[in-house]
């Protein structure tokens, strides 16, 4: 469904003057920020262990082919790095990335004005901030995964309209 909407272009992949008709994978359509933040059109959702864009699309929209809407609404262009990892993937990632997952990643202090629940990263050395709290590599990466788990989902009532509009915008390609 997603690739069918992309316009075709002639492309010479080898530079030998032999052009082939291919999908223009560089053609993009973005969702306006104003639309993405409209709470009447979107719900927030926490991705659960083992869920994929396809399983969420099937559960919410009744069709796995709408997985591209889940990805597009959340600016996910690389589902292997932008989508939350399963626990086994996460542990393997930690093992590959850090020699000591419990080692200090950085130090944080609480913001002293405004929203005092916010934390400020003060770097990898706490000499200037002796009261700073150490954040381990594990805690840091876990927080990054938690951010990826919080996604926006388009209300199912708008999926058909959104899909039509997306197709229309893709077909208006000048390039």
C-alpha atoms as a PDB file:
ATOM      1  CA  UNK A   1       0.000   0.000   0.000  1.00  0.00           C
ATOM      2  CA  UNK A   2       2.734   2.483   0.990  1.00  0.00           C
ATOM      3  CA  UNK A   3       4.958   1.892  -2.041  1.00  0.00           C
ATOM      4  CA  UNK A   4       2.048   1.867  -4.487  1.00  0.00           C
ATOM      5  CA  UNK A   5       1.501   5.561  -3.774  1.00  0.00           C
ATOM      6  CA  UNK A   6       5.072   6.510  -4.649  1.00  0.00           C
ATOM      7  CA  UNK A   7       5.571   7.968  -8.098  1.00  0.00           C
ATOM      8  CA  UNK A   8       7.694   6.191 -10.680  1.00  0.00           C
ATOM      9  CA  UNK A   9      10.800   7.764 -12.174  1.00  0.00           C
ATOM     10  CA  UNK A  10      13.300   6.718 -14.798  1.00  0.00           C
ATOM     11  CA  UNK A  11      16.656   6.009 -13.167  1.00  0.00           C
ATOM     12  CA  UNK A  12      20.051   5.001 -14.519  1.00  0.00           C
ATOM     13  CA  UNK A  13      21.518   3.030 -11.605  1.00  0.00           C
ATOM     14  CA  UNK A  14      24.726   2.012 -13.406  1.00  0.00           C
ATOM     15  CA  UNK A  15      25.399   5.252 -15.277  1.00  0.00           C
ATOM     16  CA  UNK A  16      25.412   3.424 -18.600  1.00  0.00           C
ATOM     17  CA  UNK A  17      22.521   5.337 -20.180  1.00  0.00           C
ATOM     18  CA  UNK A  18      20.056   2.453 -19.678  1.00  0.00           C
ATOM     19  CA  UNK A  19      17.181   3.895 -17.684  1.00  0.00           C
ATOM     20  CA  UNK A  20      14.701   1.744 -15.792  1.00  0.00           C
ATOM     21  CA  UNK A  21      11.330   2.662 -14.332  1.00  0.00           C
ATOM     22  CA  UNK A  22      11.629   2.529 -10.520  1.00  0.00           C
ATOM     23  CA  UNK A  23       9.778   3.839  -7.468  1.00  0.00           C
ATOM     24  CA  UNK A  24      11.005   7.226  -6.280  1.00  0.00           C
ATOM     25  CA  UNK A  25      11.961   6.227  -2.734  1.00  0.00           C
ATOM     26  CA  UNK A  26      13.211   9.731  -2.017  1.00  0.00           C
ATOM     27  CA  UNK A  27       9.752  11.255  -2.418  1.00  0.00           C
ATOM     28  CA  UNK A  28       8.462  12.164   1.042  1.00  0.00           C
ATOM     29  CA  UNK A  29       5.342  13.640   2.534  1.00  0.00           C
ATOM     30  CA  UNK A  30       5.440  14.923   6.098  1.00  0.00           C
ATOM     31  CA  UNK A  31       2.605  15.287   8.549  1.00  0.00           C
ATOM     32  CA  UNK A  32       2.261  18.842   9.826  1.00  0.00           C
ATOM     33  CA  UNK A  33       3.189  19.371  13.478  1.00  0.00           C
ATOM     34  CA  UNK A  34      -0.157  21.075  14.025  1.00  0.00           C
ATOM     35  CA  UNK A  35      -1.901  17.881  12.921  1.00  0.00           C
ATOM     36  CA  UNK A  36       0.368  15.616  14.987  1.00  0.00           C
ATOM     37  CA  UNK A  37      -0.351  17.531  18.171  1.00  0.00           C
ATOM     38  CA  UNK A  38      -4.124  17.582  17.673  1.00  0.00           C
ATOM     39  CA  UNK A  39      -5.380  15.374  20.503  1.00  0.00           C
ATOM     40  CA  UNK A  40      -8.753  14.947  18.784  1.00  0.00           C
ATOM     41  CA  UNK A  41      -7.063  13.086  15.922  1.00  0.00           C
ATOM     42  CA  UNK A  42      -4.358  11.184  17.812  1.00  0.00           C
ATOM     43  CA  UNK A  43      -4.008   9.040  20.893  1.00  0.00           C
ATOM     44  CA  UNK A  44      -0.775   8.369  22.719  1.00  0.00           C
ATOM     45  CA  UNK A  45       0.225   4.750  23.119  1.00  0.00           C
ATOM     46  CA  UNK A  46       2.972   2.833  24.933  1.00  0.00           C
ATOM     47  CA  UNK A  47       4.421   0.098  22.729  1.00  0.00           C
ATOM     48  CA  UNK A  48       4.390  -3.181  24.615  1.00  0.00           C
ATOM     49  CA  UNK A  49       7.087  -5.872  24.593  1.00  0.00           C
ATOM     50  CA  UNK A  50       7.090  -7.706  21.274  1.00  0.00           C
ATOM     51  CA  UNK A  51       4.730  -5.337  19.449  1.00  0.00           C
ATOM     52  CA  UNK A  52       5.607  -4.293  15.933  1.00  0.00           C
ATOM     53  CA  UNK A  53       4.189  -1.546  13.709  1.00  0.00           C
ATOM     54  CA  UNK A  54       2.346  -4.305  11.840  1.00  0.00           C
ATOM     55  CA  UNK A  55       0.765  -5.794  14.974  1.00  0.00           C
ATOM     56  CA  UNK A  56      -0.330  -2.359  16.192  1.00  0.00           C
ATOM     57  CA  UNK A  57      -1.792  -1.511  12.762  1.00  0.00           C
ATOM     58  CA  UNK A  58      -3.677  -4.804  12.726  1.00  0.00           C
ATOM     59  CA  UNK A  59      -4.993  -4.315  16.258  1.00  0.00           C
ATOM     60  CA  UNK A  60      -6.017  -0.676  15.754  1.00  0.00           C
ATOM     61  CA  UNK A  61      -6.855  -0.414  12.044  1.00  0.00           C
ATOM     62  CA  UNK A  62      -7.687  -4.042  11.246  1.00  0.00           C
ATOM     63  CA  UNK A  63      -5.007  -4.245   8.537  1.00  0.00           C
ATOM     64  CA  UNK A  64      -1.242  -4.808   8.798  1.00  0.00           C
ATOM     65  CA  UNK A  65      -0.802  -2.854   5.553  1.00  0.00           C
ATOM     66  CA  UNK A  66      -1.397   0.344   7.542  1.00  0.00           C
ATOM     67  CA  UNK A  67       1.855  -0.117   9.482  1.00  0.00           C
ATOM     68  CA  UNK A  68       3.313   2.744   7.439  1.00  0.00           C
ATOM     69  CA  UNK A  69       0.831   5.128   9.100  1.00  0.00           C
ATOM     70  CA  UNK A  70       2.127   4.095  12.533  1.00  0.00           C
ATOM     71  CA  UNK A  71       5.697   4.761  11.367  1.00  0.00           C
ATOM     72  CA  UNK A  72       4.924   8.009   9.524  1.00  0.00           C
ATOM     73  CA  UNK A  73       3.012   9.524  12.434  1.00  0.00           C
ATOM     74  CA  UNK A  74       6.047   9.017  14.645  1.00  0.00           C
ATOM     75  CA  UNK A  75       8.767  10.097  12.186  1.00  0.00           C
ATOM     76  CA  UNK A  76      10.228   6.590  12.175  1.00  0.00           C
ATOM     77  CA  UNK A  77      12.362   6.076   9.091  1.00  0.00           C
ATOM     78  CA  UNK A  78      14.452   3.190  10.419  1.00  0.00           C
ATOM     79  CA  UNK A  79      12.366   0.690  12.329  1.00  0.00           C
ATOM     80  CA  UNK A  80      15.452  -1.194  13.504  1.00  0.00           C
ATOM     81  CA  UNK A  81      16.921   1.837  15.297  1.00  0.00           C
ATOM     82  CA  UNK A  82      13.903   4.093  15.898  1.00  0.00           C
ATOM     83  CA  UNK A  83      11.488   1.409  17.146  1.00  0.00           C
ATOM     84  CA  UNK A  84      11.788   0.116  20.738  1.00  0.00           C
ATOM     85  CA  UNK A  85      13.828  -3.060  21.128  1.00  0.00           C
ATOM     86  CA  UNK A  86      12.619  -6.278  22.708  1.00  0.00           C
ATOM     87  CA  UNK A  87      14.312  -7.119  26.025  1.00  0.00           C
ATOM     88  CA  UNK A  88      16.667  -9.716  24.452  1.00  0.00           C
ATOM     89  CA  UNK A  89      17.619  -7.202  21.727  1.00  0.00           C
ATOM     90  CA  UNK A  90      18.121  -4.500  24.356  1.00  0.00           C
ATOM     91  CA  UNK A  91      20.394  -6.683  26.505  1.00  0.00           C
ATOM     92  CA  UNK A  92      22.434  -7.722  23.452  1.00  0.00           C
ATOM     93  CA  UNK A  93      22.704  -4.062  22.413  1.00  0.00           C
ATOM     94  CA  UNK A  94      23.953  -3.089  25.886  1.00  0.00           C
ATOM     95  CA  UNK A  95      26.477  -5.913  25.826  1.00  0.00           C
ATOM     96  CA  UNK A  96      27.778  -4.818  22.412  1.00  0.00           C
ATOM     97  CA  UNK A  97      27.872  -1.114  23.205  1.00  0.00           C
ATOM     98  CA  UNK A  98      29.279  -1.024  26.750  1.00  0.00           C
ATOM     99  CA  UNK A  99      32.005  -2.956  28.485  1.00  0.00           C
ATOM    100  CA  UNK A 100      30.237  -2.110  31.772  1.00  0.00           C
ATOM    101  CA  UNK A 101      26.466  -1.523  31.537  1.00  0.00           C
ATOM    102  CA  UNK A 102      26.497  -0.448  35.194  1.00  0.00           C
ATOM    103  CA  UNK A 103      29.243   2.123  34.563  1.00  0.00           C
ATOM    104  CA  UNK A 104      28.454   5.832  34.735  1.00  0.00           C
ATOM    105  CA  UNK A 105      27.093   7.267  31.513  1.00  0.00           C
ATOM    106  CA  UNK A 106      26.705  10.837  32.815  1.00  0.00           C
ATOM    107  CA  UNK A 107      25.669  12.880  35.856  1.00  0.00           C
ATOM    108  CA  UNK A 108      22.446  14.806  36.364  1.00  0.00           C
ATOM    109  CA  UNK A 109      21.167  17.560  38.598  1.00  0.00           C
ATOM    110  CA  UNK A 110      17.605  18.736  39.141  1.00  0.00           C
ATOM    111  CA  UNK A 111      16.573  21.949  37.452  1.00  0.00           C
ATOM    112  CA  UNK A 112      16.343  24.649  40.147  1.00  0.00           C
ATOM    113  CA  UNK A 113      13.716  26.895  38.548  1.00  0.00           C
ATOM    114  CA  UNK A 114      10.567  26.223  36.591  1.00  0.00           C
ATOM    115  CA  UNK A 115       9.824  22.512  36.363  1.00  0.00           C
ATOM    116  CA  UNK A 116      12.119  21.148  39.087  1.00  0.00           C
ATOM    117  CA  UNK A 117      11.311  17.545  38.104  1.00  0.00           C
ATOM    118  CA  UNK A 118      13.391  18.001  34.937  1.00  0.00           C
ATOM    119  CA  UNK A 119      16.956  16.752  35.031  1.00  0.00           C
ATOM    120  CA  UNK A 120      19.954  18.484  33.483  1.00  0.00           C
ATOM    121  CA  UNK A 121      22.823  16.432  32.092  1.00  0.00           C
ATOM    122  CA  UNK A 122      26.026  17.967  33.502  1.00  0.00           C
ATOM    123  CA  UNK A 123      28.441  15.675  31.688  1.00  0.00           C
ATOM    124  CA  UNK A 124      30.631  12.712  32.467  1.00  0.00           C
ATOM    125  CA  UNK A 125      32.507  14.360  35.339  1.00  0.00           C
ATOM    126  CA  UNK A 126      30.806  15.720  38.453  1.00  0.00           C
ATOM    127  CA  UNK A 127      33.665  17.878  39.759  1.00  0.00           C
ATOM    128  CA  UNK A 128      31.614  21.081  39.449  1.00  0.00           C
ATOM    129  CA  UNK A 129      28.479  19.372  40.776  1.00  0.00           C
ATOM    130  CA  UNK A 130      29.465  17.025  43.624  1.00  0.00           C
ATOM    131  CA  UNK A 131      25.799  16.422  44.532  1.00  0.00           C
ATOM    132  CA  UNK A 132      24.957  15.285  40.993  1.00  0.00           C
ATOM    133  CA  UNK A 133      23.366  11.876  40.554  1.00  0.00           C
ATOM    134  CA  UNK A 134      25.159   9.251  38.493  1.00  0.00           C
ATOM    135  CA  UNK A 135      23.170   7.736  35.618  1.00  0.00           C
ATOM    136  CA  UNK A 136      24.399   4.320  34.532  1.00  0.00           C
ATOM    137  CA  UNK A 137      24.721   3.205  30.931  1.00  0.00           C
ATOM    138  CA  UNK A 138      21.814   0.816  31.539  1.00  0.00           C
ATOM    139  CA  UNK A 139      19.592   3.574  32.986  1.00  0.00           C
ATOM    140  CA  UNK A 140      20.423   5.936  30.137  1.00  0.00           C
ATOM    141  CA  UNK A 141      19.674   3.390  27.404  1.00  0.00           C
ATOM    142  CA  UNK A 142      16.528   2.237  29.198  1.00  0.00           C
ATOM    143  CA  UNK A 143      15.266   5.851  29.299  1.00  0.00           C
ATOM    144  CA  UNK A 144      15.986   6.172  25.562  1.00  0.00           C
ATOM    145  CA  UNK A 145      13.928   3.024  24.912  1.00  0.00           C
ATOM    146  CA  UNK A 146      11.105   4.382  27.078  1.00  0.00           C
ATOM    147  CA  UNK A 147      11.010   7.523  24.889  1.00  0.00           C
ATOM    148  CA  UNK A 148      10.689   5.315  21.798  1.00  0.00           C
ATOM    149  CA  UNK A 149       7.821   3.379  23.413  1.00  0.00           C
ATOM    150  CA  UNK A 150       5.638   6.492  23.606  1.00  0.00           C
ATOM    151  CA  UNK A 151       4.084   6.885  20.174  1.00  0.00           C
ATOM    152  CA  UNK A 152       1.141   8.673  18.603  1.00  0.00           C
ATOM    153  CA  UNK A 153      -1.559   6.728  16.819  1.00  0.00           C
ATOM    154  CA  UNK A 154      -4.003   8.157  14.339  1.00  0.00           C
ATOM    155  CA  UNK A 155      -7.627   7.672  15.361  1.00  0.00           C
ATOM    156  CA  UNK A 156      -9.044   4.818  13.209  1.00  0.00           C
ATOM    157  CA  UNK A 157     -11.886   7.099  12.089  1.00  0.00           C
ATOM    158  CA  UNK A 158      -9.352   9.160  10.085  1.00  0.00           C
ATOM    159  CA  UNK A 159      -7.296   6.374   8.479  1.00  0.00           C
ATOM    160  CA  UNK A 160      -9.160   6.223   5.155  1.00  0.00           C
ATOM    161  CA  UNK A 161      -9.135  10.011   4.800  1.00  0.00           C
ATOM    162  CA  UNK A 162      -5.460  10.190   5.749  1.00  0.00           C
ATOM    163  CA  UNK A 163      -4.530   7.426   3.297  1.00  0.00           C
ATOM    164  CA  UNK A 164      -6.398   9.195   0.471  1.00  0.00           C
ATOM    165  CA  UNK A 165      -4.745  12.538   1.242  1.00  0.00           C
ATOM    166  CA  UNK A 166      -1.324  10.902   1.413  1.00  0.00           C
ATOM    167  CA  UNK A 167      -1.848   9.246  -1.987  1.00  0.00           C
ATOM    168  CA  UNK A 168      -2.992  12.553  -3.461  1.00  0.00           C
ATOM    169  CA  UNK A 169       0.060  14.415  -2.163  1.00  0.00           C
ATOM    170  CA  UNK A 170       2.413  11.712  -3.422  1.00  0.00           C
ATOM    171  CA  UNK A 171       0.862  11.817  -6.877  1.00  0.00           C
ATOM    172  CA  UNK A 172       1.344  15.602  -7.063  1.00  0.00           C
ATOM    173  CA  UNK A 173       5.082  15.090  -7.229  1.00  0.00           C
ATOM    174  CA  UNK A 174       6.836  17.531  -9.509  1.00  0.00           C
ATOM    175  CA  UNK A 175      10.089  15.580  -9.369  1.00  0.00           C
END
